[in-house]
C-alpha atoms as a PDB file:
ATOM      1  CA  MET A   1      82.429  96.855  88.576  1.00  0.00           C
ATOM      2  CA  LYS A   2      85.282  96.268  90.984  1.00  0.00           C
ATOM      3  CA  ILE A   3      86.455  99.414  92.772  1.00  0.00           C
ATOM      4  CA  ALA A   4      89.348  99.774  95.220  1.00  0.00           C
ATOM      5  CA  VAL A   5      89.365 102.874  97.424  1.00  0.00           C
ATOM      6  CA  SER A   6      92.555 104.014  99.107  1.00  0.00           C
ATOM      7  CA  GLY A   7      94.058 107.092 100.690  1.00  0.00           C
ATOM      8  CA  LYS A   8      95.795 108.412 103.759  1.00  0.00           C
ATOM      9  CA  GLY A   9      94.198 107.538 107.092  1.00  0.00           C
ATOM     10  CA  GLY A  10      91.502 109.998 108.129  1.00  0.00           C
ATOM     11  CA  VAL A  11      90.625 111.330 104.669  1.00  0.00           C
ATOM     12  CA  GLY A  12      87.188 109.677 104.707  1.00  0.00           C
ATOM     13  CA  LYS A  13      87.737 106.716 102.391  1.00  0.00           C
ATOM     14  CA  THR A  14      85.864 104.213 104.583  1.00  0.00           C
ATOM     15  CA  THR A  15      82.865 106.520 104.821  1.00  0.00           C
ATOM     16  CA  PHE A  16      83.012 107.041 101.058  1.00  0.00           C
ATOM     17  CA  VAL A  17      82.988 103.253 100.481  1.00  0.00           C
ATOM     18  CA  ALA A  18      79.981 102.878 102.796  1.00  0.00           C
ATOM     19  CA  LEU A  19      78.093 105.621 100.968  1.00  0.00           C
ATOM     20  CA  ILE A  20      78.842 104.110  97.547  1.00  0.00           C
ATOM     21  CA  ALA A  21      77.403 100.844  98.878  1.00  0.00           C
ATOM     22  CA  ARG A  22      74.262 102.637 100.063  1.00  0.00           C
ATOM     23  CA  ILE A  23      73.757 104.271  96.658  1.00  0.00           C
ATOM     24  CA  LEU A  24      74.274 100.990  94.781  1.00  0.00           C
ATOM     25  CA  HIS A  25      71.948  99.199  97.191  1.00  0.00           C
ATOM     26  CA  ASP A  26      69.223 101.749  96.453  1.00  0.00           C
ATOM     27  CA  GLN A  27      69.593 100.859  92.762  1.00  0.00           C
ATOM     28  CA  ASN A  28      69.199  97.130  93.525  1.00  0.00           C
ATOM     29  CA  TYR A  29      72.750  96.168  92.668  1.00  0.00           C
ATOM     30  CA  LYS A  30      74.371  93.117  94.253  1.00  0.00           C
ATOM     31  CA  VAL A  31      77.265  94.424  96.349  1.00  0.00           C
ATOM     32  CA  THR A  32      80.056  92.860  98.393  1.00  0.00           C
ATOM     33  CA  LEU A  33      82.294  95.064 100.500  1.00  0.00           C
ATOM     34  CA  ILE A  34      85.795  93.996 101.495  1.00  0.00           C
ATOM     35  CA  ASP A  35      87.477  95.644 104.463  1.00  0.00           C
ATOM     36  CA  ALA A  36      91.170  95.320 103.635  1.00  0.00           C
ATOM     37  CA  ASP A  37      92.271  98.179 105.893  1.00  0.00           C
ATOM     38  CA  PRO A  38      94.204  97.221 109.059  1.00  0.00           C
ATOM     39  CA  ASP A  39      91.938  99.545 111.099  1.00  0.00           C
ATOM     40  CA  MET A  40      88.883  97.441 110.094  1.00  0.00           C
ATOM     41  CA  ASN A  41      86.331 100.242 110.649  1.00  0.00           C
ATOM     42  CA  LEU A  42      83.976  99.548 107.755  1.00  0.00           C
ATOM     43  CA  ALA A  43      81.525  97.469 109.797  1.00  0.00           C
ATOM     44  CA  SER A  44      80.999 100.224 112.369  1.00  0.00           C
ATOM     45  CA  VAL A  45      80.638 102.932 109.691  1.00  0.00           C
ATOM     46  CA  LEU A  46      77.993 100.816 107.941  1.00  0.00           C
ATOM     47  CA  GLY A  47      76.084 100.665 111.223  1.00  0.00           C
ATOM     48  CA  ILE A  48      76.607  96.971 111.986  1.00  0.00           C
ATOM     49  CA  PRO A  49      76.040  96.552 115.750  1.00  0.00           C
ATOM     50  CA  GLY A  50      79.228  96.338 117.766  1.00  0.00           C
ATOM     51  CA  ASN A  51      78.215  93.015 119.337  1.00  0.00           C
ATOM     52  CA  THR A  52      77.986  91.310 115.930  1.00  0.00           C
ATOM     53  CA  PRO A  53      80.564  88.496 115.834  1.00  0.00           C
ATOM     54  CA  ILE A  54      83.058  89.273 113.065  1.00  0.00           C
ATOM     55  CA  THR A  55      86.126  87.102 112.561  1.00  0.00           C
ATOM     56  CA  PRO A  56      88.647  88.514 110.081  1.00  0.00           C
ATOM     57  CA  ILE A  57      89.455  86.007 107.339  1.00  0.00           C
ATOM     58  CA  ILE A  58      93.155  86.126 108.192  1.00  0.00           C
ATOM     59  CA  GLU A  59      92.393  84.830 111.707  1.00  0.00           C
ATOM     60  CA  MET A  60      90.672  81.669 110.425  1.00  0.00           C
ATOM     61  CA  LYS A  61      93.815  79.670 111.039  1.00  0.00           C
ATOM     62  CA  ASP A  62      92.360  76.171 110.591  1.00  0.00           C
ATOM     63  CA  LEU A  63      90.678  77.117 107.331  1.00  0.00           C
ATOM     64  CA  ILE A  64      93.816  78.688 105.860  1.00  0.00           C
ATOM     65  CA  GLU A  65      95.969  75.734 106.911  1.00  0.00           C
ATOM     66  CA  GLU A  66      93.490  73.329 105.287  1.00  0.00           C
ATOM     67  CA  ARG A  67      93.387  75.275 102.030  1.00  0.00           C
ATOM     68  CA  THR A  68      97.107  76.098 101.722  1.00  0.00           C
ATOM     69  CA  GLY A  69      98.450  72.814 103.155  1.00  0.00           C
ATOM     70  CA  ALA A  70     100.807  74.739 105.437  1.00  0.00           C
ATOM     71  CA  LYS A  71     101.023  75.247 109.195  1.00  0.00           C
ATOM     72  CA  ILE A  72     100.737  78.957 109.890  1.00  0.00           C
ATOM     73  CA  ASP A  73     103.118  79.016 112.865  1.00  0.00           C
ATOM     74  CA  GLU A  74     105.802  76.906 111.205  1.00  0.00           C
ATOM     75  CA  PRO A  75     108.196  77.470 108.281  1.00  0.00           C
ATOM     76  CA  ALA A  76     106.395  76.621 105.053  1.00  0.00           C
ATOM     77  CA  PRO A  77     108.768  75.914 102.152  1.00  0.00           C
ATOM     78  CA  PHE A  78     105.895  74.294 100.230  1.00  0.00           C
ATOM     79  CA  PHE A  79     102.258  75.379 100.148  1.00  0.00           C
ATOM     80  CA  LYS A  80      99.436  75.838  97.669  1.00  0.00           C
ATOM     81  CA  MET A  81      99.880  79.141  95.857  1.00  0.00           C
ATOM     82  CA  ASN A  82      96.301  79.009  94.514  1.00  0.00           C
ATOM     83  CA  PRO A  83      94.152  77.546  97.290  1.00  0.00           C
ATOM     84  CA  ARG A  84      90.433  77.007  96.824  1.00  0.00           C
ATOM     85  CA  VAL A  85      88.509  80.152  97.843  1.00  0.00           C
ATOM     86  CA  ASP A  86      85.309  80.132  95.759  1.00  0.00           C
ATOM     87  CA  ASP A  87      83.129  79.159  98.743  1.00  0.00           C
ATOM     88  CA  ILE A  88      84.570  81.741 101.139  1.00  0.00           C
ATOM     89  CA  PRO A  89      82.462  84.842 100.229  1.00  0.00           C
ATOM     90  CA  ASP A  90      79.107  83.133 100.707  1.00  0.00           C
ATOM     91  CA  LYS A  91      80.139  81.206 103.830  1.00  0.00           C
ATOM     92  CA  TYR A  92      82.025  83.899 105.720  1.00  0.00           C
ATOM     93  CA  SER A  93      80.394  87.195 104.758  1.00  0.00           C
ATOM     94  CA  ILE A  94      78.203  89.223 107.073  1.00  0.00           C
ATOM     95  CA  ASN A  95      74.861  90.152 105.530  1.00  0.00           C
ATOM     96  CA  TYR A  96      73.575  93.593 106.441  1.00  0.00           C
ATOM     97  CA  HIS A  97      70.893  95.679 104.694  1.00  0.00           C
ATOM     98  CA  GLY A  98      71.216  93.446 101.641  1.00  0.00           C
ATOM     99  CA  LEU A  99      74.990  93.971 101.468  1.00  0.00           C
ATOM    100  CA  LYS A 100      77.742  91.440 102.079  1.00  0.00           C
ATOM    101  CA  LEU A 101      80.815  92.376 104.105  1.00  0.00           C
ATOM    102  CA  MET A 102      84.064  90.455 104.402  1.00  0.00           C
ATOM    103  CA  VAL A 103      86.791  91.606 106.797  1.00  0.00           C
ATOM    104  CA  MET A 104      90.233  90.538 105.625  1.00  0.00           C
ATOM    105  CA  GLY A 105      92.366  91.407 108.659  1.00  0.00           C
ATOM    106  CA  THR A 106      96.093  92.106 108.928  1.00  0.00           C
ATOM    107  CA  ILE A 107      99.113  89.826 108.832  1.00  0.00           C
ATOM    108  CA  ARG A 108     100.671  90.648 112.186  1.00  0.00           C
ATOM    109  CA  ASN A 109     103.679  88.342 112.015  1.00  0.00           C
ATOM    110  CA  GLY A 110     106.033  89.331 109.222  1.00  0.00           C
ATOM    111  CA  GLY A 111     108.211  86.191 109.200  1.00  0.00           C
ATOM    112  CA  GLY A 112     108.576  84.695 105.733  1.00  0.00           C
ATOM    113  CA  GLY A 113     107.469  81.166 106.675  1.00  0.00           C
ATOM    114  CA  CYS A 114     104.360  82.478 108.382  1.00  0.00           C
ATOM    115  CA  ALA A 115     103.380  85.281 106.052  1.00  0.00           C
ATOM    116  CA  CYS A 116     103.627  83.542 102.665  1.00  0.00           C
ATOM    117  CA  PRO A 117     100.691  81.091 103.070  1.00  0.00           C
ATOM    118  CA  LEU A 118      98.590  83.897 104.539  1.00  0.00           C
ATOM    119  CA  ASN A 119      99.453  86.195 101.642  1.00  0.00           C
ATOM    120  CA  ALA A 120      98.744  83.435  99.132  1.00  0.00           C
ATOM    121  CA  PHE A 121      95.320  82.869 100.653  1.00  0.00           C
ATOM    122  CA  LEU A 122      94.404  86.567 100.812  1.00  0.00           C
ATOM    123  CA  LYS A 123      95.542  87.261  97.266  1.00  0.00           C
ATOM    124  CA  SER A 124      93.735  84.201  95.921  1.00  0.00           C
ATOM    125  CA  LEU A 125      90.562  85.332  97.670  1.00  0.00           C
ATOM    126  CA  LEU A 126      90.841  88.894  96.398  1.00  0.00           C
ATOM    127  CA  GLY A 127      91.661  87.663  92.917  1.00  0.00           C
ATOM    128  CA  TYR A 128      88.557  85.479  92.889  1.00  0.00           C
ATOM    129  CA  MET A 129      86.366  88.328  94.157  1.00  0.00           C
ATOM    130  CA  ILE A 130      87.696  90.831  91.647  1.00  0.00           C
ATOM    131  CA  VAL A 131      88.113  88.711  88.548  1.00  0.00           C
ATOM    132  CA  LEU A 132      85.437  86.024  88.785  1.00  0.00           C
ATOM    133  CA  ARG A 133      82.528  87.267  90.924  1.00  0.00           C
ATOM    134  CA  ASP A 134      79.625  88.727  88.941  1.00  0.00           C
ATOM    135  CA  GLU A 135      78.721  91.572  91.279  1.00  0.00           C
ATOM    136  CA  TRP A 136      79.894  94.938  92.509  1.00  0.00           C
ATOM    137  CA  VAL A 137      82.942  94.602  94.752  1.00  0.00           C
ATOM    138  CA  LEU A 138      84.095  97.578  96.822  1.00  0.00           C
ATOM    139  CA  LEU A 139      87.456  97.347  98.568  1.00  0.00           C
ATOM    140  CA  ASP A 140      88.347  99.618 101.463  1.00  0.00           C
ATOM    141  CA  MET A 141      92.155  99.497 101.135  1.00  0.00           C
ATOM    142  CA  GLU A 142      95.016 100.669 103.272  1.00  0.00           C
ATOM    143  CA  ALA A 143      97.212 103.397 101.788  1.00  0.00           C
ATOM    144  CA  GLY A 144      99.899 100.907 100.803  1.00  0.00           C
ATOM    145  CA  ILE A 145      97.502  98.628  98.815  1.00  0.00           C
ATOM    146  CA  GLU A 146      99.839  95.709  99.658  1.00  0.00           C
ATOM    147  CA  HIS A 147      96.928  93.255  99.591  1.00  0.00           C
ATOM    148  CA  LEU A 148      96.701  93.599  95.809  1.00  0.00           C
ATOM    149  CA  GLY A 149      98.920  91.352  93.737  1.00  0.00           C
ATOM    150  CA  ARG A 150      99.651  92.127  90.109  1.00  0.00           C
ATOM    151  CA  GLY A 151      97.085  89.739  88.663  1.00  0.00           C
ATOM    152  CA  THR A 152      94.407  90.888  91.075  1.00  0.00           C
ATOM    153  CA  ALA A 153      95.108  94.568  90.492  1.00  0.00           C
ATOM    154  CA  ILE A 154      94.658  94.253  86.737  1.00  0.00           C
ATOM    155  CA  GLY A 155      91.084  93.119  87.384  1.00  0.00           C
ATOM    156  CA  VAL A 156      90.203  96.303  89.284  1.00  0.00           C
ATOM    157  CA  ASP A 157      88.026  98.562  87.139  1.00  0.00           C
ATOM    158  CA  GLN A 158      88.978 101.661  89.081  1.00  0.00           C
ATOM    159  CA  MET A 159      91.371 102.662  91.842  1.00  0.00           C
ATOM    160  CA  ILE A 160      90.028 105.693  93.681  1.00  0.00           C
ATOM    161  CA  VAL A 161      92.275 107.720  95.956  1.00  0.00           C
ATOM    162  CA  VAL A 162      90.442 109.932  98.438  1.00  0.00           C
ATOM    163  CA  VAL A 163      92.348 113.081  99.342  1.00  0.00           C
ATOM    164  CA  GLU A 164      91.728 116.097 101.524  1.00  0.00           C
ATOM    165  CA  PRO A 165      93.288 119.536 101.089  1.00  0.00           C
ATOM    166  CA  ASN A 166      96.634 119.044 102.807  1.00  0.00           C
ATOM    167  CA  LYS A 167     100.173 118.188 101.747  1.00  0.00           C
ATOM    168  CA  THR A 168     100.478 114.762 103.403  1.00  0.00           C
ATOM    169  CA  SER A 169      97.276 113.539 101.764  1.00  0.00           C
ATOM    170  CA  ILE A 170      98.583 114.630  98.368  1.00  0.00           C
ATOM    171  CA  GLU A 171     101.933 112.907  98.974  1.00  0.00           C
ATOM    172  CA  THR A 172     100.056 109.699  99.777  1.00  0.00           C
ATOM    173  CA  ALA A 173      98.088 110.029  96.540  1.00  0.00           C
ATOM    174  CA  TYR A 174     101.299 110.199  94.505  1.00  0.00           C
ATOM    175  CA  ARG A 175     102.692 107.166  96.330  1.00  0.00           C
ATOM    176  CA  ILE A 176      99.518 105.165  95.654  1.00  0.00           C
ATOM    177  CA  GLY A 177      99.609 106.335  92.048  1.00  0.00           C
ATOM    178  CA  LYS A 178     103.100 104.892  91.603  1.00  0.00           C
ATOM    179  CA  LEU A 179     102.165 101.598  93.289  1.00  0.00           C
ATOM    180  CA  SER A 180      99.060 101.328  91.111  1.00  0.00           C
ATOM    181  CA  LYS A 181     101.068 101.929  87.957  1.00  0.00           C
ATOM    182  CA  ASP A 182     103.602  99.290  89.003  1.00  0.00           C
ATOM    183  CA  LEU A 183     100.754  96.807  89.508  1.00  0.00           C
ATOM    184  CA  GLY A 184      99.222  97.510  86.117  1.00  0.00           C
ATOM    185  CA  ILE A 185      96.096  99.354  87.292  1.00  0.00           C
ATOM    186  CA  LYS A 186      94.959 101.351  84.265  1.00  0.00           C
ATOM    187  CA  ASN A 187      92.253 103.557  85.760  1.00  0.00           C
ATOM    188  CA  LEU A 188      93.070 105.710  88.782  1.00  0.00           C
ATOM    189  CA  SER A 189      90.991 108.690  89.845  1.00  0.00           C
ATOM    190  CA  ILE A 190      90.967 111.184  92.690  1.00  0.00           C
ATOM    191  CA  ILE A 191      88.034 112.104  94.906  1.00  0.00           C
ATOM    192  CA  ALA A 192      88.679 115.366  96.734  1.00  0.00           C
ATOM    193  CA  ASN A 193      86.943 115.336 100.114  1.00  0.00           C
ATOM    194  CA  LYS A 194      86.161 117.826 102.918  1.00  0.00           C
ATOM    195  CA  ILE A 195      86.369 120.890 100.667  1.00  0.00           C
ATOM    196  CA  GLN A 196      85.405 124.073 102.548  1.00  0.00           C
ATOM    197  CA  SER A 197      86.473 126.867 100.199  1.00  0.00           C
ATOM    198  CA  PRO A 198      87.318 127.672  96.573  1.00  0.00           C
ATOM    199  CA  ASP A 199      90.953 128.107  97.629  1.00  0.00           C
ATOM    200  CA  GLU A 200      91.104 124.509  98.883  1.00  0.00           C
ATOM    201  CA  LYS A 201      89.641 123.260  95.620  1.00  0.00           C
ATOM    202  CA  LYS A 202      92.175 125.305  93.659  1.00  0.00           C
ATOM    203  CA  PHE A 203      95.024 124.003  95.845  1.00  0.00           C
ATOM    204  CA  LEU A 204      94.094 120.391  95.134  1.00  0.00           C
ATOM    205  CA  LYS A 205      93.526 121.028  91.442  1.00  0.00           C
ATOM    206  CA  ASN A 206      96.989 122.578  91.095  1.00  0.00           C
ATOM    207  CA  SER A 207      98.664 119.909  93.234  1.00  0.00           C
ATOM    208  CA  LEU A 208      97.144 116.947  91.399  1.00  0.00           C
ATOM    209  CA  LYS A 209      97.487 118.015  87.773  1.00  0.00           C
ATOM    210  CA  SER A 210      98.750 114.604  86.659  1.00  0.00           C
ATOM    211  CA  PHE A 211      95.654 112.843  88.040  1.00  0.00           C
ATOM    212  CA  ASN A 212      92.078 112.513  86.857  1.00  0.00           C
ATOM    213  CA  ILE A 213      89.988 114.246  89.513  1.00  0.00           C
ATOM    214  CA  LEU A 214      86.611 112.570  89.433  1.00  0.00           C
ATOM    215  CA  GLY A 215      84.945 115.136  91.662  1.00  0.00           C
ATOM    216  CA  TYR A 216      84.871 117.238  94.808  1.00  0.00           C
ATOM    217  CA  ILE A 217      82.898 116.592  97.984  1.00  0.00           C
ATOM    218  CA  GLY A 218      82.195 119.564 100.200  1.00  0.00           C
ATOM    219  CA  TYR A 219      82.550 119.395 103.958  1.00  0.00           C
ATOM    220  CA  SER A 220      79.352 117.878 105.381  1.00  0.00           C
ATOM    221  CA  ASP A 221      78.149 117.569 108.969  1.00  0.00           C
ATOM    222  CA  ILE A 222      76.032 114.565 107.939  1.00  0.00           C
ATOM    223  CA  ILE A 223      78.987 112.732 106.407  1.00  0.00           C
ATOM    224  CA  LYS A 224      81.016 113.583 109.505  1.00  0.00           C
ATOM    225  CA  LYS A 225      78.316 112.013 111.705  1.00  0.00           C
ATOM    226  CA  ILE A 226      78.442 108.868 109.572  1.00  0.00           C
ATOM    227  CA  SER A 227      82.220 108.643 109.980  1.00  0.00           C
ATOM    228  CA  PHE A 228      81.835 109.018 113.769  1.00  0.00           C
ATOM    229  CA  GLY A 229      79.138 106.339 113.910  1.00  0.00           C
ATOM    230  CA  VAL A 230      76.442 108.739 115.122  1.00  0.00           C
ATOM    231  CA  ILE A 231      74.255 107.727 112.174  1.00  0.00           C
ATOM    232  CA  ASN A 232      74.742 105.136 109.456  1.00  0.00           C
ATOM    233  CA  PRO A 233      74.495 105.511 105.661  1.00  0.00           C
ATOM    234  CA  PHE A 234      71.017 103.957 105.568  1.00  0.00           C
ATOM    235  CA  GLU A 235      69.591 106.598 107.900  1.00  0.00           C
ATOM    236  CA  VAL A 236      70.263 109.596 105.675  1.00  0.00           C
ATOM    237  CA  GLU A 237      68.128 110.977 102.871  1.00  0.00           C
ATOM    238  CA  ILE A 238      69.564 110.441  99.410  1.00  0.00           C
ATOM    239  CA  SER A 239      69.304 114.207  98.884  1.00  0.00           C
ATOM    240  CA  ASP A 240      71.868 114.654 101.679  1.00  0.00           C
ATOM    241  CA  ILE A 241      74.447 112.669  99.715  1.00  0.00           C
ATOM    242  CA  ALA A 242      73.446 113.831  96.238  1.00  0.00           C
ATOM    243  CA  SER A 243      76.997 114.912  95.388  1.00  0.00           C
ATOM    244  CA  ILE A 244      78.301 111.413  96.082  1.00  0.00           C
ATOM    245  CA  LYS A 245      75.492 109.828  94.061  1.00  0.00           C
ATOM    246  CA  GLU A 246      76.458 112.065  91.133  1.00  0.00           C
ATOM    247  CA  LEU A 247      80.090 110.948  91.478  1.00  0.00           C
ATOM    248  CA  VAL A 248      79.072 107.282  91.443  1.00  0.00           C
ATOM    249  CA  VAL A 249      77.011 107.800  88.290  1.00  0.00           C
ATOM    250  CA  ASP A 250      79.937 109.580  86.610  1.00  0.00           C
ATOM    251  CA  LEU A 251      82.280 106.797  87.684  1.00  0.00           C
ATOM    252  CA  ILE A 252      80.052 104.128  86.151  1.00  0.00           C
ATOM    253  CA  LYS A 253      79.799 106.081  82.903  1.00  0.00           C
ATOM    254  CA  SER A 254      83.512 106.844  82.619  1.00  0.00           C
ATOM    255  CA  THR A 255      84.556 103.262  83.319  1.00  0.00           C
ATOM    256  CA  HIS A 256      81.987 101.990  80.805  1.00  0.00           C
ATOM    257  CA  TYR A 257      83.308 104.336  78.134  1.00  0.00           C
ATOM    258  CA  GLU A 258      86.921 103.331  78.825  1.00  0.00           C
ATOM    259  CA  SER A 259      86.075  99.605  78.694  1.00  0.00           C
ATOM    260  CA  MET A 260      84.615 100.181  75.205  1.00  0.00           C
ATOM    261  CA  GLY A 261      87.562 102.295  74.056  1.00  0.00           C
ATOM    262  CA  ILE A 262      85.444 105.441  73.817  1.00  0.00           C
ATOM    263  CA  GLN A 263      86.910 108.807  74.766  1.00  0.00           C
ATOM    264  CA  LYS A 264      84.586 110.598  77.173  1.00  0.00           C
ATOM    265  CA  ASN A 265      84.069 114.278  76.362  1.00  0.00           C
END
């Protein structure tokens, strides 16, 4: 399965991605994580030591110029729209606890001549990972999901939007929902996070009536410690994240049913 996770900054999406990876790892699945968020915090949440050399893909200037046939710092009227990327995941991933992590990075210079080859390379890489790789792929996305092109997005099995019980988080969910629909993403679900009371659950349920709410995650000191880097997902007991494991199991089942055209009861 290929799952993209998005949401407003601070809602806990990166921690959720890391915990999904931990649960899948425990079940001996092959998993690659892609950090496509400009904040690039997934490595630290996973527990990868801070002194580990990590070069975002977007900063590999020589590689991108070779593959696209365009100079990054110069106007590029002609470049390869579908550069070769099939060797990138195995060559440039970080291996940690049996997981692979690729950090995409952010296009800092918005000029058309500079950005187009970079965008072409990123979208080709994501498209290859999502459509052609035979493994679990988890994407930690920014709220705008700009990294996903239309063809790539169609290959995503599920877009998950993590929300918390406040108005701005809900507004972001609706914005992501519209972007996902425009890109052709068929399956979009909500994970409600940091729930501390029945009233908060009711508020989200009433505010997100047009969405499929996959589940609710209660406020957790352990999950908070993971998000702060005090502990990492591999240091917690599976019983401490049982609610998230249950959500992952439900997600697998629901996506399997939908892929077979079966209505889940």
